Protein backbone atom coordinates (compact mmCIF):
# COMPACT_ATOMS: atom_id res chain seq x y z
CA MET A 1 129.20 173.55 148.18
CA ARG A 2 127.15 173.03 144.99
CA ASN A 3 126.51 176.76 144.56
CA ARG A 4 130.13 177.80 144.98
CA ARG A 5 131.66 179.72 142.12
CA ILE A 6 134.74 178.36 140.37
CA GLY A 7 137.54 180.68 139.30
CA LEU A 8 140.96 180.56 137.66
CA VAL A 9 144.04 182.63 138.42
CA LEU A 10 146.60 182.62 135.61
CA ILE A 11 149.96 183.89 136.82
CA GLY A 12 153.05 185.19 135.07
CA ASP A 13 154.56 188.30 133.52
CA GLU A 14 155.16 186.26 130.37
CA LEU A 15 151.40 185.99 129.83
CA LEU A 16 150.84 189.72 130.13
CA SER A 17 153.79 190.57 127.89
CA GLY A 18 152.67 188.17 125.18
CA LYS A 19 155.81 186.03 125.35
CA ARG A 20 153.59 183.06 126.12
CA THR A 21 149.96 182.38 125.31
CA ASP A 22 147.77 180.89 128.01
CA LYS A 23 146.68 177.31 127.37
CA HIS A 24 144.92 176.61 130.66
CA LEU A 25 141.61 178.44 130.23
CA GLY A 26 140.23 176.30 127.41
CA LYS A 27 141.37 173.05 129.02
CA ALA A 28 139.94 173.99 132.40
CA ILE A 29 136.58 174.83 130.82
CA ALA A 30 136.60 171.42 129.10
CA LEU A 31 137.55 169.45 132.23
CA LEU A 32 134.93 171.26 134.30
CA GLY A 33 132.31 170.81 131.59
CA GLU A 34 132.89 167.05 131.48
CA ARG A 35 131.75 167.03 135.10
CA GLY A 36 128.81 169.37 134.66
CA LEU A 37 130.64 172.30 136.26
CA GLN A 38 131.05 175.83 134.94
CA LEU A 39 133.70 178.48 135.29
CA SER A 40 132.53 181.76 136.85
CA TRP A 41 135.57 184.01 136.50
CA VAL A 42 139.19 184.27 135.34
CA ARG A 43 141.94 186.64 136.43
CA MET A 44 145.36 187.02 134.84
CA VAL A 45 148.02 188.47 137.14
CA GLY A 46 151.71 189.15 136.63
CA ASP A 47 154.50 188.29 139.05
CA ASP A 48 153.52 191.23 141.22
CA ILE A 49 153.58 190.28 144.89
CA ALA A 50 151.20 192.98 146.12
CA LEU A 51 148.66 192.47 143.33
CA LEU A 52 148.71 188.68 143.51
CA THR A 53 148.36 188.76 147.30
CA ASP A 54 145.37 191.09 147.01
CA THR A 55 143.82 188.86 144.33
CA LEU A 56 144.13 185.75 146.49
CA ARG A 57 143.00 187.54 149.64
CA GLN A 58 139.81 188.55 147.85
CA SER A 59 139.11 185.05 146.53
CA PHE A 60 139.81 183.50 149.95
CA ALA A 61 137.28 185.92 151.45
CA GLU A 62 134.66 185.11 148.81
CA GLY A 63 134.89 181.37 149.46
CA ASP A 64 135.22 180.38 145.81
CA ILE A 65 136.83 177.22 144.47
CA VAL A 66 139.97 178.49 142.74
CA PHE A 67 142.58 176.90 140.51
CA SER A 68 145.82 178.85 140.25
CA PHE A 69 148.37 178.13 137.54
CA GLY A 70 152.04 179.08 137.73
CA GLY A 71 154.59 180.57 140.07
CA ILE A 72 155.16 177.65 142.48
CA GLY A 73 158.76 176.90 141.50
CA ALA A 74 161.92 177.77 143.43
CA THR A 75 163.26 180.74 141.45
CA PRO A 76 162.93 184.31 142.78
CA ASP A 77 160.19 185.18 140.27
CA ASP A 78 158.03 182.32 141.56
CA VAL A 79 156.07 184.14 144.25
CA THR A 80 152.74 182.29 144.36
CA ARG A 81 153.50 180.27 147.50
CA GLN A 82 154.53 183.37 149.43
CA CYS A 83 151.52 185.35 148.20
CA ALA A 84 149.10 182.57 149.12
CA ALA A 85 150.47 182.44 152.66
CA ALA A 86 150.33 186.22 153.03
CA ALA A 87 146.78 186.35 151.64
CA ALA A 88 145.65 183.68 154.11
CA ASP A 89 147.56 185.35 156.96
CA VAL A 90 149.57 182.22 157.77
CA GLU A 91 153.26 181.35 157.66
CA LEU A 92 155.03 179.32 155.01
CA ALA A 93 156.03 175.95 156.44
CA LEU A 94 157.95 172.98 155.09
CA HIS A 95 155.43 170.27 154.23
CA PRO A 96 156.92 166.95 155.42
CA GLU A 97 155.48 164.78 152.64
CA ALA A 98 156.34 167.25 149.88
CA ALA A 99 159.85 167.63 151.31
CA ALA A 100 160.34 163.86 151.46
CA ILE A 101 159.41 163.56 147.78
CA ILE A 102 161.98 166.18 146.81
CA GLU A 103 164.67 164.64 149.03
CA GLU A 104 164.03 161.18 147.59
CA ARG A 105 164.30 162.44 144.05
CA PHE A 106 167.26 164.80 144.36
CA GLY A 107 169.15 163.61 147.42
CA GLU A 108 171.71 166.14 148.60
CA GLU A 109 170.90 168.35 145.61
CA ALA A 110 167.51 169.04 147.17
CA TYR A 111 169.27 171.65 149.32
CA PRO A 112 169.33 174.59 149.53
CA ASN A 113 167.07 175.54 146.62
CA ARG A 114 164.82 172.73 145.37
CA ILE A 115 163.49 172.12 148.87
CA LEU A 116 161.84 175.55 148.70
CA MET A 117 159.19 173.97 146.47
CA ALA A 118 157.96 172.07 149.56
CA GLU A 119 157.22 175.27 151.48
CA PHE A 120 153.45 175.80 151.50
CA PRO A 121 151.05 177.87 153.60
CA GLU A 122 150.87 176.18 156.98
CA GLY A 123 148.09 173.58 156.99
CA ALA A 124 148.08 173.01 153.21
CA ASP A 125 147.44 169.63 151.58
CA ILE A 126 149.57 168.37 148.70
CA ILE A 127 148.43 167.75 145.13
CA PRO A 128 150.26 164.78 143.55
CA ASN A 129 152.25 165.53 140.41
CA PRO A 130 152.33 162.47 138.10
CA VAL A 131 155.05 163.91 135.86
CA ASN A 132 157.99 164.95 138.03
CA GLN A 133 156.47 164.23 141.47
CA ILE A 134 157.02 167.83 142.71
CA ALA A 135 153.73 168.46 144.50
CA GLY A 136 151.33 171.33 144.16
CA PHE A 137 149.21 172.31 147.13
CA SER A 138 145.65 173.04 148.24
CA TYR A 139 144.57 175.51 150.88
CA ARG A 140 140.99 176.57 151.69
CA HIS A 141 139.61 175.33 148.35
CA HIS A 142 142.38 177.11 146.45
CA HIS A 143 144.48 174.71 144.41
CA PHE A 144 147.93 175.78 143.26
CA LEU A 145 149.30 174.06 140.18
CA PRO A 146 152.42 174.40 138.01
CA GLY A 147 152.34 176.50 134.88
CA PHE A 148 153.34 173.54 132.68
CA PRO A 149 150.22 172.09 131.02
CA ASN A 150 151.51 168.49 130.99
CA MET A 151 151.71 168.65 134.80
CA ALA A 152 148.87 171.03 135.62
CA TRP A 153 146.07 169.34 133.71
CA PRO A 154 146.25 165.86 135.29
CA MET A 155 146.70 167.56 138.67
CA LEU A 156 143.55 169.60 138.03
CA GLU A 157 141.67 166.41 137.17
CA TRP A 158 142.93 164.76 140.35
CA VAL A 159 141.70 167.68 142.47
CA LEU A 160 138.26 167.58 140.85
CA GLU A 161 137.90 163.85 141.37
CA TYR A 162 139.32 163.82 144.90
CA TRP A 163 137.69 166.92 146.38
CA TYR A 164 134.58 167.73 144.38
CA ARG A 165 132.83 164.58 143.14
CA ASP A 166 129.85 165.50 145.32
CA ILE A 167 129.15 168.60 143.23
CA PHE A 168 129.51 166.98 139.82
CA ASN A 169 126.43 167.35 137.67
CA ARG A 170 126.58 164.50 135.19
CA THR A 171 123.49 165.92 133.49
CA PRO A 172 124.99 169.04 131.93
CA PRO A 173 122.97 172.23 131.52
CA VAL A 174 121.00 172.68 128.33
CA GLU A 175 120.59 175.82 126.27
CA ARG A 176 117.68 176.98 124.15
CA LEU A 177 118.49 179.46 121.42
CA MET A 178 115.92 181.73 119.80
CA LEU A 179 116.66 183.94 116.79
CA LEU A 180 114.47 187.04 116.94
CA GLN A 181 113.69 189.09 113.85
CA ASN A 182 112.75 192.73 113.33
CA VAL A 183 113.18 193.88 116.91
CA ALA A 184 115.71 196.12 118.64
CA GLU A 185 117.47 194.86 121.75
CA SER A 186 116.32 197.90 123.71
CA GLU A 187 112.69 196.92 123.10
CA LEU A 188 113.30 193.60 124.86
CA ILE A 189 114.94 194.88 128.04
CA PRO A 190 111.75 194.84 130.18
CA LEU A 191 110.98 191.30 128.98
CA MET A 192 114.52 190.11 129.72
CA GLU A 193 114.45 191.69 133.19
CA THR A 194 111.15 189.95 133.96
CA CYS A 195 112.51 186.62 132.71
CA ILE A 196 115.58 186.86 134.96
CA LYS A 197 113.42 187.61 138.00
CA ARG A 198 110.85 184.93 137.16
CA PHE A 199 113.40 182.19 136.43
CA PRO A 200 116.47 182.86 138.64
CA GLY A 201 117.93 179.43 137.88
CA VAL A 202 118.13 180.17 134.15
CA ARG A 203 120.94 182.23 132.63
CA LEU A 204 119.80 184.61 129.90
CA ALA A 205 122.12 185.91 127.21
CA SER A 206 121.34 188.45 124.49
CA LEU A 207 123.56 188.62 121.41
CA PRO A 208 122.62 191.20 118.76
CA SER A 209 123.74 190.61 115.20
CA THR A 210 126.74 192.68 114.11
CA GLU A 211 125.25 192.95 110.61
CA ASN A 212 121.57 193.47 111.34
CA ARG A 213 120.77 195.49 114.45
CA ARG A 214 117.19 194.20 114.43
CA GLN A 215 118.20 190.55 114.66
CA ILE A 216 118.99 189.14 118.10
CA GLU A 217 119.92 185.71 119.41
CA ILE A 218 118.49 184.98 122.85
CA GLY A 219 119.97 182.11 124.85
CA LEU A 220 118.37 180.48 127.90
CA LYS A 221 120.68 178.11 129.78
CA GLY A 222 120.18 175.96 132.86
CA GLU A 223 118.68 172.68 133.99
CA ALA A 224 116.49 171.13 131.32
CA ALA A 225 113.17 171.37 133.17
CA GLU A 226 113.67 175.04 134.02
CA VAL A 227 114.82 175.94 130.52
CA ILE A 228 111.75 174.30 128.98
CA VAL A 229 109.38 176.31 131.19
CA ALA A 230 111.32 179.55 130.75
CA GLY A 231 111.52 179.04 126.99
CA GLU A 232 107.79 178.48 126.65
CA TRP A 233 107.06 181.55 128.74
CA PHE A 234 109.51 183.68 126.74
CA ALA A 235 108.03 182.49 123.44
CA GLU A 236 104.50 183.32 124.60
CA GLU A 237 105.60 186.82 125.60
CA LEU A 238 107.26 187.34 122.22
CA CYS A 239 104.05 186.34 120.48
CA ARG A 240 102.15 188.75 122.68
CA MET A 241 104.55 191.51 121.58
CA GLY A 242 104.22 190.54 117.93
CA VAL A 243 107.90 189.58 117.64
CA SER A 244 108.77 186.81 115.19
CA TRP A 245 111.39 184.22 116.08
CA ARG A 246 112.69 180.83 115.10
């Protein structure tokens, strides 16, 4: 479980058209970071049934932990529930607990439309909604949340605390930055390739200056002990090459 990737799916034509600006990415990164977790990928998909189904089918197959935002309402353009079921090759089914919540809140007005928000892929678990009580749902480590930030963010926190406390890393990764002078990035490629092979637990990033092509920032990120060793090795190799850094 600890090595599983974490991804986000941001859903809605309004995001792709520019009518609305996504607010979930930054918050998700922050909430994950507070628990020593990192985001691996993000996909933004419109209200396209075929494309969203394919996106979810792929992430189900890859076994990632996925948080999906948007499209779980009852209107015809809310297609996430249907796409999740199709991607998992299961039927939509009325979830008894989710249905009871909607019936308690709306009474007779729960039917025929609001009750649709209690139809989840068969076998799904509910995610409590502290704002309006209309549940989200979880299925195979995919967690489907509303598009509204005031609902989605506490629901995301609940999922992390309920399902994934065992993978929290309360000691967050550290990063060592080195500013290299008077060297072209291409000259460092063999060294960077060797570093990645030698220290697979350390993420290496190379960021050339936009103003000075012979100035490069190298970042080494990972667990503290590994970063220390990798950083010392990298510095020694730079000295051997005659490259100055600070």
